[in-house]
Amino acid sequence: MGDARIRETANVSISKTQIDKLGKRMRADDGPSEADLALYEEMCERYESPIEVVSDIIHDAGLVVTTRFPKTAGTLIEKLRRDRTRLSTVQDVAGARVVIDGGRNSQDSVVKKLADRLNDVGRADIIDRREEPSHGYRAVHIIARVDGIPVEIQVRTVLQDTWANTMERFADIFGRQVRYGELPTDPDKQLSPEIDELTPRSLHQLILDLGTSIHRIESANQGYESFLESGADSLVFDSTDVDFGDLAEEDIQALVGQDVGDILKGFVENLQNLGEHLQLLLKKLEV
């Protein structure tokens, strides 16, 4: 690891076997003991240096980073019980988040830049949740391993972040289980006398539909940006060719660039506004 900024990882004398045994005790029905919680805190000390290294790399790339230090014991217990996984294999005990202003092409560029740099100091694995979302959640994750310690980096567009924050607020009100594909608590309860059929179930579906719309618009915008960069004379949407024949580049911009670009920009702004309004609605329902 030739990077001079890498700090010495805390020398915590806890083996993989001990970690997995700790995980089993934490997810047991009777929960962890005080000694187990103390051991988990000791285990978390190992993440302090890797998180600093990852944060420095993100900052050096000119990006704003939000770090999340190790999960609370309660959050980790929920995950261990839900996923029935070994504690030593959990990759998101600690993490960081980056939200970028651009679309999916910019997102891809940032992911590549960070992964290349992280591979210089350890190892970086990329998990793309855009085409195969996790219960509506879309983003690109980088699992960085610094001195063998995993740190999860979430790279999101603004729209993806808006959706994730909206679902997070919804889950805080109507049950954390919705983040994993289950129905909200009391799904058919009428939430407002002024709005017909506004229930946790219908609101949940609206948020899921918002995520699908965001994905479609970001995909279309990515195709459009790639078309402009390629200098090609045909534009492809849903496998349908739009042939521009011998038109000059300025003609293509006049016929397509302004119309399609403005339309896509308008869609993005509208989806952003919808996400923000949903969060305001959820804030009122929370009171």
C-alpha atoms as a PDB file:
ATOM      1  CA  MET A   1       0.000   0.000   0.000  1.00  0.00           C
ATOM      2  CA  GLY A   2       2.248   2.832  -1.151  1.00  0.00           C
ATOM      3  CA  ASP A   3      -0.051   5.728  -0.185  1.00  0.00           C
ATOM      4  CA  ALA A   4       1.585   7.769   2.582  1.00  0.00           C
ATOM      5  CA  ARG A   5      -1.793   8.873   3.908  1.00  0.00           C
ATOM      6  CA  ILE A   6      -2.841   5.396   4.932  1.00  0.00           C
ATOM      7  CA  ARG A   7      -2.923   5.345   8.680  1.00  0.00           C
ATOM      8  CA  GLU A   8      -2.100   2.325  10.668  1.00  0.00           C
ATOM      9  CA  THR A   9      -5.284   0.358  11.226  1.00  0.00           C
ATOM     10  CA  ALA A  10      -6.204  -0.028  14.870  1.00  0.00           C
ATOM     11  CA  ASN A  11      -4.666  -3.184  16.203  1.00  0.00           C
ATOM     12  CA  VAL A  12      -7.810  -4.944  17.353  1.00  0.00           C
ATOM     13  CA  SER A  13      -7.108  -8.525  18.335  1.00  0.00           C
ATOM     14  CA  ILE A  14     -10.377 -10.081  17.182  1.00  0.00           C
ATOM     15  CA  SER A  15     -10.380 -12.913  14.660  1.00  0.00           C
ATOM     16  CA  LYS A  16     -12.848 -13.643  11.869  1.00  0.00           C
ATOM     17  CA  THR A  17     -14.164 -16.600  13.865  1.00  0.00           C
ATOM     18  CA  GLN A  18     -14.729 -14.381  16.885  1.00  0.00           C
ATOM     19  CA  ILE A  19     -16.514 -11.826  14.697  1.00  0.00           C
ATOM     20  CA  ASP A  20     -18.871 -14.462  13.278  1.00  0.00           C
ATOM     21  CA  LYS A  21     -19.599 -15.848  16.737  1.00  0.00           C
ATOM     22  CA  LEU A  22     -20.338 -12.318  17.879  1.00  0.00           C
ATOM     23  CA  GLY A  23     -22.742 -11.918  14.951  1.00  0.00           C
ATOM     24  CA  LYS A  24     -24.628 -15.073  15.926  1.00  0.00           C
ATOM     25  CA  ARG A  25     -25.039 -13.837  19.490  1.00  0.00           C
ATOM     26  CA  MET A  26     -26.160 -10.395  18.326  1.00  0.00           C
ATOM     27  CA  ARG A  27     -28.931 -11.754  16.103  1.00  0.00           C
ATOM     28  CA  ALA A  28     -30.159 -14.262  18.705  1.00  0.00           C
ATOM     29  CA  ASP A  29     -33.682 -13.740  20.043  1.00  0.00           C
ATOM     30  CA  ASP A  30     -32.427 -12.668  23.460  1.00  0.00           C
ATOM     31  CA  GLY A  31     -30.033 -10.149  21.901  1.00  0.00           C
ATOM     32  CA  PRO A  32     -26.408  -9.330  22.730  1.00  0.00           C
ATOM     33  CA  SER A  33     -24.954  -9.073  26.218  1.00  0.00           C
ATOM     34  CA  GLU A  34     -23.116  -6.021  27.525  1.00  0.00           C
ATOM     35  CA  ALA A  35     -19.862  -7.862  26.795  1.00  0.00           C
ATOM     36  CA  ASP A  36     -20.988  -8.447  23.193  1.00  0.00           C
ATOM     37  CA  LEU A  37     -21.784  -4.760  22.716  1.00  0.00           C
ATOM     38  CA  ALA A  38     -18.380  -3.852  24.104  1.00  0.00           C
ATOM     39  CA  LEU A  39     -16.730  -6.307  21.710  1.00  0.00           C
ATOM     40  CA  TYR A  40     -18.669  -4.789  18.785  1.00  0.00           C
ATOM     41  CA  GLU A  41     -17.416  -1.324  19.737  1.00  0.00           C
ATOM     42  CA  GLU A  42     -13.907  -2.731  19.818  1.00  0.00           C
ATOM     43  CA  MET A  43     -14.417  -4.252  16.370  1.00  0.00           C
ATOM     44  CA  CYS A  44     -15.634  -0.917  15.007  1.00  0.00           C
ATOM     45  CA  GLU A  45     -12.329   0.732  15.890  1.00  0.00           C
ATOM     46  CA  ARG A  46     -10.828  -1.084  12.906  1.00  0.00           C
ATOM     47  CA  TYR A  47     -12.920   1.066  10.538  1.00  0.00           C
ATOM     48  CA  GLU A  48     -11.671   4.470  11.654  1.00  0.00           C
ATOM     49  CA  SER A  49      -8.506   4.512   9.551  1.00  0.00           C
ATOM     50  CA  PRO A  50     -10.041   3.026   6.355  1.00  0.00           C
ATOM     51  CA  ILE A  51     -12.881   5.581   6.505  1.00  0.00           C
ATOM     52  CA  GLU A  52     -10.335   8.409   6.720  1.00  0.00           C
ATOM     53  CA  VAL A  53      -8.417   7.043   3.742  1.00  0.00           C
ATOM     54  CA  VAL A  54     -11.578   6.707   1.656  1.00  0.00           C
ATOM     55  CA  SER A  55     -12.743  10.208   2.625  1.00  0.00           C
ATOM     56  CA  ASP A  56      -9.389  11.722   1.641  1.00  0.00           C
ATOM     57  CA  ILE A  57      -9.499  10.025  -1.769  1.00  0.00           C
ATOM     58  CA  ILE A  58     -13.016  11.323  -2.412  1.00  0.00           C
ATOM     59  CA  HIS A  59     -12.055  14.848  -1.337  1.00  0.00           C
ATOM     60  CA  ASP A  60      -8.953  14.746  -3.566  1.00  0.00           C
ATOM     61  CA  ALA A  61     -11.250  13.916  -6.491  1.00  0.00           C
ATOM     62  CA  GLY A  62     -13.003  17.246  -5.918  1.00  0.00           C
ATOM     63  CA  LEU A  63     -16.157  15.665  -4.500  1.00  0.00           C
ATOM     64  CA  VAL A  64     -18.187  16.306  -1.387  1.00  0.00           C
ATOM     65  CA  VAL A  65     -18.443  13.250   0.841  1.00  0.00           C
ATOM     66  CA  THR A  66     -20.749  12.333   3.685  1.00  0.00           C
ATOM     67  CA  THR A  67     -19.271   9.630   5.881  1.00  0.00           C
ATOM     68  CA  ARG A  68     -21.222   7.133   7.945  1.00  0.00           C
ATOM     69  CA  PHE A  69     -19.310   5.638  10.812  1.00  0.00           C
ATOM     70  CA  PRO A  70     -20.010   2.061  11.894  1.00  0.00           C
ATOM     71  CA  LYS A  71     -23.641   1.019  12.153  1.00  0.00           C
ATOM     72  CA  THR A  72     -25.272   1.205  15.532  1.00  0.00           C
ATOM     73  CA  ALA A  73     -25.684  -2.148  17.229  1.00  0.00           C
ATOM     74  CA  GLY A  74     -29.451  -1.962  16.740  1.00  0.00           C
ATOM     75  CA  THR A  75     -29.203  -1.363  12.980  1.00  0.00           C
ATOM     76  CA  LEU A  76     -26.657  -4.140  12.612  1.00  0.00           C
ATOM     77  CA  ILE A  77     -28.831  -6.586  14.559  1.00  0.00           C
ATOM     78  CA  GLU A  78     -31.758  -5.837  12.209  1.00  0.00           C
ATOM     79  CA  LYS A  79     -29.540  -6.560   9.207  1.00  0.00           C
ATOM     80  CA  LEU A  80     -28.123  -9.784  10.657  1.00  0.00           C
ATOM     81  CA  ARG A  81     -31.608 -11.080  11.477  1.00  0.00           C
ATOM     82  CA  ARG A  82     -33.041 -10.037   8.119  1.00  0.00           C
ATOM     83  CA  ASP A  83     -30.251 -11.326   5.866  1.00  0.00           C
ATOM     84  CA  ARG A  84     -29.120 -14.282   8.006  1.00  0.00           C
ATOM     85  CA  THR A  85     -25.570 -13.461   7.016  1.00  0.00           C
ATOM     86  CA  ARG A  86     -22.239 -13.782   8.816  1.00  0.00           C
ATOM     87  CA  LEU A  87     -20.980 -10.617  10.483  1.00  0.00           C
ATOM     88  CA  SER A  88     -17.545 -11.006   8.868  1.00  0.00           C
ATOM     89  CA  THR A  89     -19.146 -10.753   5.395  1.00  0.00           C
ATOM     90  CA  VAL A  90     -21.151  -7.565   6.033  1.00  0.00           C
ATOM     91  CA  GLN A  91     -19.742  -4.928   3.650  1.00  0.00           C
ATOM     92  CA  ASP A  92     -21.581  -1.822   4.823  1.00  0.00           C
ATOM     93  CA  VAL A  93     -20.736  -1.655   8.514  1.00  0.00           C
ATOM     94  CA  ALA A  94     -19.194   1.733   7.649  1.00  0.00           C
ATOM     95  CA  GLY A  95     -19.551   3.845   4.555  1.00  0.00           C
ATOM     96  CA  ALA A  96     -19.569   7.115   2.651  1.00  0.00           C
ATOM     97  CA  ARG A  97     -21.902   8.814   0.213  1.00  0.00           C
ATOM     98  CA  VAL A  98     -21.253  10.987  -2.819  1.00  0.00           C
ATOM     99  CA  VAL A  99     -24.048  12.854  -4.634  1.00  0.00           C
ATOM    100  CA  ILE A 100     -23.173  14.192  -8.083  1.00  0.00           C
ATOM    101  CA  ASP A 101     -24.883  16.955 -10.060  1.00  0.00           C
ATOM    102  CA  GLY A 102     -24.802  15.255 -13.464  1.00  0.00           C
ATOM    103  CA  GLY A 103     -26.572  12.274 -14.956  1.00  0.00           C
ATOM    104  CA  ARG A 104     -25.561   8.648 -15.372  1.00  0.00           C
ATOM    105  CA  ASN A 105     -22.590   9.393 -17.627  1.00  0.00           C
ATOM    106  CA  SER A 106     -21.171  11.669 -14.935  1.00  0.00           C
ATOM    107  CA  GLN A 107     -21.960   9.004 -12.374  1.00  0.00           C
ATOM    108  CA  ASP A 108     -20.059   6.410 -14.379  1.00  0.00           C
ATOM    109  CA  SER A 109     -17.108   8.769 -14.727  1.00  0.00           C
ATOM    110  CA  VAL A 110     -16.974   9.432 -10.970  1.00  0.00           C
ATOM    111  CA  VAL A 111     -17.260   5.721 -10.169  1.00  0.00           C
ATOM    112  CA  LYS A 112     -14.376   4.886 -12.505  1.00  0.00           C
ATOM    113  CA  LYS A 113     -12.203   7.692 -11.126  1.00  0.00           C
ATOM    114  CA  LEU A 114     -12.764   6.628  -7.530  1.00  0.00           C
ATOM    115  CA  ALA A 115     -12.400   2.910  -8.241  1.00  0.00           C
ATOM    116  CA  ASP A 116      -9.090   3.454 -10.044  1.00  0.00           C
ATOM    117  CA  ARG A 117      -7.738   5.469  -7.133  1.00  0.00           C
ATOM    118  CA  LEU A 118      -9.017   3.012  -4.538  1.00  0.00           C
ATOM    119  CA  ASN A 119      -7.436   0.116  -6.404  1.00  0.00           C
ATOM    120  CA  ASP A 120      -4.104   1.885  -5.927  1.00  0.00           C
ATOM    121  CA  VAL A 121      -4.424   1.653  -2.143  1.00  0.00           C
ATOM    122  CA  GLY A 122      -6.378  -1.559  -1.771  1.00  0.00           C
ATOM    123  CA  ARG A 123      -9.229  -3.025  -3.755  1.00  0.00           C
ATOM    124  CA  ALA A 124     -12.486  -1.687  -5.192  1.00  0.00           C
ATOM    125  CA  ASP A 125     -15.502  -3.754  -6.272  1.00  0.00           C
ATOM    126  CA  ILE A 126     -18.394  -2.077  -8.110  1.00  0.00           C
ATOM    127  CA  ILE A 127     -22.048  -2.973  -7.537  1.00  0.00           C
ATOM    128  CA  ASP A 128     -24.408  -1.335 -10.039  1.00  0.00           C
ATOM    129  CA  ARG A 129     -27.948  -1.207  -8.647  1.00  0.00           C
ATOM    130  CA  ARG A 130     -29.405   0.904 -11.454  1.00  0.00           C
ATOM    131  CA  GLU A 131     -30.595  -1.845 -13.800  1.00  0.00           C
ATOM    132  CA  GLU A 132     -31.375  -4.304 -10.997  1.00  0.00           C
ATOM    133  CA  PRO A 133     -32.556  -2.137  -8.098  1.00  0.00           C
ATOM    134  CA  SER A 134     -32.962  -3.304  -4.527  1.00  0.00           C
ATOM    135  CA  HIS A 135     -36.673  -2.763  -3.774  1.00  0.00           C
ATOM    136  CA  GLY A 136     -36.667   0.413  -5.853  1.00  0.00           C
ATOM    137  CA  TYR A 137     -33.292   1.698  -4.648  1.00  0.00           C
ATOM    138  CA  ARG A 138     -30.894   2.669  -7.436  1.00  0.00           C
ATOM    139  CA  ALA A 139     -27.290   3.839  -7.159  1.00  0.00           C
ATOM    140  CA  VAL A 140     -23.781   2.594  -7.845  1.00  0.00           C
ATOM    141  CA  HIS A 141     -21.863   1.266  -4.855  1.00  0.00           C
ATOM    142  CA  ILE A 142     -18.120   0.850  -4.560  1.00  0.00           C
ATOM    143  CA  ILE A 143     -16.923  -1.590  -1.918  1.00  0.00           C
ATOM    144  CA  ALA A 144     -13.472  -0.274  -1.040  1.00  0.00           C
ATOM    145  CA  ARG A 145     -11.145  -2.518   0.928  1.00  0.00           C
ATOM    146  CA  VAL A 146      -8.357  -0.743   2.746  1.00  0.00           C
ATOM    147  CA  ASP A 147      -6.077  -3.051   4.718  1.00  0.00           C
ATOM    148  CA  GLY A 148      -8.764  -5.689   4.200  1.00  0.00           C
ATOM    149  CA  ILE A 149     -11.477  -3.579   5.884  1.00  0.00           C
ATOM    150  CA  PRO A 150     -14.547  -2.915   3.685  1.00  0.00           C
ATOM    151  CA  VAL A 151     -16.015   0.575   3.349  1.00  0.00           C
ATOM    152  CA  GLU A 152     -19.125   1.041   1.209  1.00  0.00           C
ATOM    153  CA  ILE A 153     -19.274   4.162  -0.984  1.00  0.00           C
ATOM    154  CA  GLN A 154     -22.689   5.082  -2.381  1.00  0.00           C
ATOM    155  CA  VAL A 155     -22.455   7.139  -5.573  1.00  0.00           C
ATOM    156  CA  ARG A 156     -25.827   8.688  -6.427  1.00  0.00           C
ATOM    157  CA  THR A 157     -27.204  11.243  -8.832  1.00  0.00           C
ATOM    158  CA  VAL A 158     -29.313  14.017  -7.307  1.00  0.00           C
ATOM    159  CA  LEU A 159     -32.496  12.270  -8.436  1.00  0.00           C
ATOM    160  CA  GLN A 160     -31.396   8.919  -7.044  1.00  0.00           C
ATOM    161  CA  ASP A 161     -30.545  10.622  -3.767  1.00  0.00           C
ATOM    162  CA  THR A 162     -33.897  12.411  -3.677  1.00  0.00           C
ATOM    163  CA  TRP A 163     -35.684   9.099  -4.152  1.00  0.00           C
ATOM    164  CA  ALA A 164     -33.610   7.326  -1.481  1.00  0.00           C
ATOM    165  CA  ASN A 165     -34.223  10.108   1.039  1.00  0.00           C
ATOM    166  CA  THR A 166     -37.941  10.065   0.259  1.00  0.00           C
ATOM    167  CA  MET A 167     -38.153   6.317   0.836  1.00  0.00           C
ATOM    168  CA  GLU A 168     -36.074   6.653   4.000  1.00  0.00           C
ATOM    169  CA  ARG A 169     -38.479   9.224   5.432  1.00  0.00           C
ATOM    170  CA  PHE A 170     -41.447   7.061   4.416  1.00  0.00           C
ATOM    171  CA  ALA A 171     -39.862   4.071   6.163  1.00  0.00           C
ATOM    172  CA  ASP A 172     -39.308   6.097   9.329  1.00  0.00           C
ATOM    173  CA  ILE A 173     -43.053   6.777   9.464  1.00  0.00           C
ATOM    174  CA  PHE A 174     -44.599   3.572   8.122  1.00  0.00           C
ATOM    175  CA  GLY A 175     -42.072   0.902   9.055  1.00  0.00           C
ATOM    176  CA  ARG A 176     -38.486   0.049   8.150  1.00  0.00           C
ATOM    177  CA  GLN A 177     -39.693  -3.158   6.490  1.00  0.00           C
ATOM    178  CA  VAL A 178     -40.753  -1.221   3.356  1.00  0.00           C
ATOM    179  CA  ARG A 179     -37.073  -0.775   2.488  1.00  0.00           C
ATOM    180  CA  TYR A 180     -36.894  -4.516   1.935  1.00  0.00           C
ATOM    181  CA  GLY A 181     -40.019  -5.101  -0.155  1.00  0.00           C
ATOM    182  CA  GLU A 182     -42.647  -5.525   2.559  1.00  0.00           C
ATOM    183  CA  LEU A 183     -45.890  -3.578   2.940  1.00  0.00           C
ATOM    184  CA  PRO A 184     -46.055  -0.514   5.177  1.00  0.00           C
ATOM    185  CA  THR A 185     -47.629  -0.750   8.598  1.00  0.00           C
ATOM    186  CA  ASP A 186     -51.441  -0.490   8.480  1.00  0.00           C
ATOM    187  CA  PRO A 187     -51.258  -0.206   4.671  1.00  0.00           C
ATOM    188  CA  ASP A 188     -54.905   0.752   3.998  1.00  0.00           C
ATOM    189  CA  LYS A 189     -55.316   3.395   6.699  1.00  0.00           C
ATOM    190  CA  GLN A 190     -56.806   6.618   5.300  1.00  0.00           C
ATOM    191  CA  LEU A 191     -54.185   9.314   5.850  1.00  0.00           C
ATOM    192  CA  SER A 192     -56.090  12.454   4.911  1.00  0.00           C
ATOM    193  CA  PRO A 193     -59.789  13.367   4.773  1.00  0.00           C
ATOM    194  CA  GLU A 194     -59.007  15.884   2.016  1.00  0.00           C
ATOM    195  CA  ILE A 195     -57.316  13.397  -0.336  1.00  0.00           C
ATOM    196  CA  ASP A 196     -59.259  10.322  -1.420  1.00  0.00           C
ATOM    197  CA  GLU A 197     -57.471   6.986  -1.282  1.00  0.00           C
ATOM    198  CA  LEU A 198     -54.303   8.412   0.248  1.00  0.00           C
ATOM    199  CA  THR A 199     -53.081   5.400   2.208  1.00  0.00           C
ATOM    200  CA  PRO A 200     -49.631   4.094   3.169  1.00  0.00           C
ATOM    201  CA  ARG A 201     -50.038   1.497   0.393  1.00  0.00           C
ATOM    202  CA  SER A 202     -50.866   4.063  -2.310  1.00  0.00           C
ATOM    203  CA  LEU A 203     -48.154   6.452  -1.125  1.00  0.00           C
ATOM    204  CA  HIS A 204     -45.613   3.630  -1.113  1.00  0.00           C
ATOM    205  CA  GLN A 205     -46.566   2.725  -4.692  1.00  0.00           C
ATOM    206  CA  LEU A 206     -46.280   6.372  -5.734  1.00  0.00           C
ATOM    207  CA  ILE A 207     -42.714   6.477  -4.401  1.00  0.00           C
ATOM    208  CA  LEU A 208     -41.858   3.234  -6.224  1.00  0.00           C
ATOM    209  CA  ASP A 209     -43.352   4.651  -9.442  1.00  0.00           C
ATOM    210  CA  LEU A 210     -41.286   7.799  -8.956  1.00  0.00           C
ATOM    211  CA  GLY A 211     -38.161   5.628  -8.842  1.00  0.00           C
ATOM    212  CA  THR A 212     -39.127   3.899 -12.090  1.00  0.00           C
ATOM    213  CA  SER A 213     -39.727   7.247 -13.785  1.00  0.00           C
ATOM    214  CA  ILE A 214     -36.378   8.560 -12.580  1.00  0.00           C
ATOM    215  CA  HIS A 215     -34.658   5.475 -13.997  1.00  0.00           C
ATOM    216  CA  ARG A 216     -36.329   5.856 -17.394  1.00  0.00           C
ATOM    217  CA  ILE A 217     -35.533   9.549 -17.698  1.00  0.00           C
ATOM    218  CA  GLU A 218     -31.930   9.108 -16.567  1.00  0.00           C
ATOM    219  CA  SER A 219     -31.490   6.246 -19.046  1.00  0.00           C
ATOM    220  CA  ALA A 220     -32.942   8.347 -21.868  1.00  0.00           C
ATOM    221  CA  ASN A 221     -30.763  11.292 -20.900  1.00  0.00           C
ATOM    222  CA  GLN A 222     -27.694   9.044 -20.843  1.00  0.00           C
ATOM    223  CA  GLY A 223     -28.491   7.833 -24.357  1.00  0.00           C
ATOM    224  CA  TYR A 224     -28.976  11.392 -25.540  1.00  0.00           C
ATOM    225  CA  GLU A 225     -25.685  12.589 -24.011  1.00  0.00           C
ATOM    226  CA  SER A 226     -23.857   9.644 -25.566  1.00  0.00           C
ATOM    227  CA  PHE A 227     -25.424  10.478 -28.930  1.00  0.00           C
ATOM    228  CA  LEU A 228     -24.180  14.069 -28.757  1.00  0.00           C
ATOM    229  CA  GLU A 229     -20.693  12.925 -27.779  1.00  0.00           C
ATOM    230  CA  SER A 230     -20.512  10.299 -30.525  1.00  0.00           C
ATOM    231  CA  GLY A 231     -21.307  12.577 -33.451  1.00  0.00           C
ATOM    232  CA  ALA A 232     -23.549   9.840 -34.872  1.00  0.00           C
ATOM    233  CA  ASP A 233     -26.290  10.675 -37.375  1.00  0.00           C
ATOM    234  CA  SER A 234     -29.036   8.629 -35.703  1.00  0.00           C
ATOM    235  CA  LEU A 235     -30.573   8.689 -32.279  1.00  0.00           C
ATOM    236  CA  VAL A 236     -31.838   5.486 -30.633  1.00  0.00           C
ATOM    237  CA  PHE A 237     -34.628   5.385 -28.074  1.00  0.00           C
ATOM    238  CA  ASP A 238     -36.141   2.001 -27.207  1.00  0.00           C
ATOM    239  CA  SER A 239     -34.411   0.409 -30.229  1.00  0.00           C
ATOM    240  CA  THR A 240     -36.134   2.838 -32.652  1.00  0.00           C
ATOM    241  CA  ASP A 241     -33.788   4.678 -35.036  1.00  0.00           C
ATOM    242  CA  VAL A 242     -34.397   8.315 -35.782  1.00  0.00           C
ATOM    243  CA  ASP A 243     -32.497   8.906 -39.025  1.00  0.00           C
ATOM    244  CA  PHE A 244     -31.086  12.351 -39.678  1.00  0.00           C
ATOM    245  CA  GLY A 245     -29.558  11.432 -43.047  1.00  0.00           C
ATOM    246  CA  ASP A 246     -27.207  14.088 -44.377  1.00  0.00           C
ATOM    247  CA  LEU A 247     -28.197  16.879 -42.000  1.00  0.00           C
ATOM    248  CA  ALA A 248     -25.302  18.934 -40.725  1.00  0.00           C
ATOM    249  CA  GLU A 249     -24.427  18.927 -37.021  1.00  0.00           C
ATOM    250  CA  GLU A 250     -25.975  22.365 -36.477  1.00  0.00           C
ATOM    251  CA  ASP A 251     -29.180  21.139 -38.105  1.00  0.00           C
ATOM    252  CA  ILE A 252     -29.265  18.144 -35.782  1.00  0.00           C
ATOM    253  CA  GLN A 253     -28.804  20.456 -32.816  1.00  0.00           C
ATOM    254  CA  ALA A 254     -31.588  22.688 -34.064  1.00  0.00           C
ATOM    255  CA  LEU A 255     -34.030  19.823 -34.685  1.00  0.00           C
ATOM    256  CA  VAL A 256     -33.098  17.508 -31.839  1.00  0.00           C
ATOM    257  CA  GLY A 257     -30.698  19.080 -29.402  1.00  0.00           C
ATOM    258  CA  GLN A 258     -32.900  21.878 -28.204  1.00  0.00           C
ATOM    259  CA  ASP A 259     -36.162  19.913 -28.196  1.00  0.00           C
ATOM    260  CA  VAL A 260     -34.989  16.629 -26.723  1.00  0.00           C
ATOM    261  CA  GLY A 261     -32.496  18.230 -24.370  1.00  0.00           C
ATOM    262  CA  ASP A 262     -35.036  20.698 -23.002  1.00  0.00           C
ATOM    263  CA  ILE A 263     -37.676  18.001 -22.663  1.00  0.00           C
ATOM    264  CA  LEU A 264     -35.332  15.733 -20.720  1.00  0.00           C
ATOM    265  CA  LYS A 265     -34.197  18.635 -18.547  1.00  0.00           C
ATOM    266  CA  GLY A 266     -37.818  19.479 -17.829  1.00  0.00           C
ATOM    267  CA  PHE A 267     -38.550  15.886 -16.854  1.00  0.00           C
ATOM    268  CA  VAL A 268     -35.577  15.855 -14.488  1.00  0.00           C
ATOM    269  CA  GLU A 269     -36.685  19.106 -12.834  1.00  0.00           C
ATOM    270  CA  ASN A 270     -40.270  17.866 -12.498  1.00  0.00           C
ATOM    271  CA  LEU A 271     -39.149  14.589 -10.921  1.00  0.00           C
ATOM    272  CA  GLN A 272     -36.908  16.494  -8.533  1.00  0.00           C
ATOM    273  CA  ASN A 273     -39.805  18.741  -7.551  1.00  0.00           C
ATOM    274  CA  LEU A 274     -42.106  15.749  -7.107  1.00  0.00           C
ATOM    275  CA  GLY A 275     -39.592  14.067  -4.815  1.00  0.00           C
ATOM    276  CA  GLU A 276     -39.241  17.238  -2.737  1.00  0.00           C
ATOM    277  CA  HIS A 277     -43.020  17.635  -2.469  1.00  0.00           C
ATOM    278  CA  LEU A 278     -43.351  14.019  -1.377  1.00  0.00           C
ATOM    279  CA  GLN A 279     -40.822  14.644   1.376  1.00  0.00           C
ATOM    280  CA  LEU A 280     -42.823  17.699   2.527  1.00  0.00           C
ATOM    281  CA  LEU A 281     -45.986  15.590   2.577  1.00  0.00           C
ATOM    282  CA  LEU A 282     -44.247  12.890   4.603  1.00  0.00           C
ATOM    283  CA  LYS A 283     -42.956  15.506   7.025  1.00  0.00           C
ATOM    284  CA  LYS A 284     -46.538  16.668   7.639  1.00  0.00           C
ATOM    285  CA  LEU A 285     -47.757  13.086   8.103  1.00  0.00           C
ATOM    286  CA  GLU A 286     -44.964  12.512  10.613  1.00  0.00           C
ATOM    287  CA  VAL A 287     -46.147  15.300  12.935  1.00  0.00           C
END
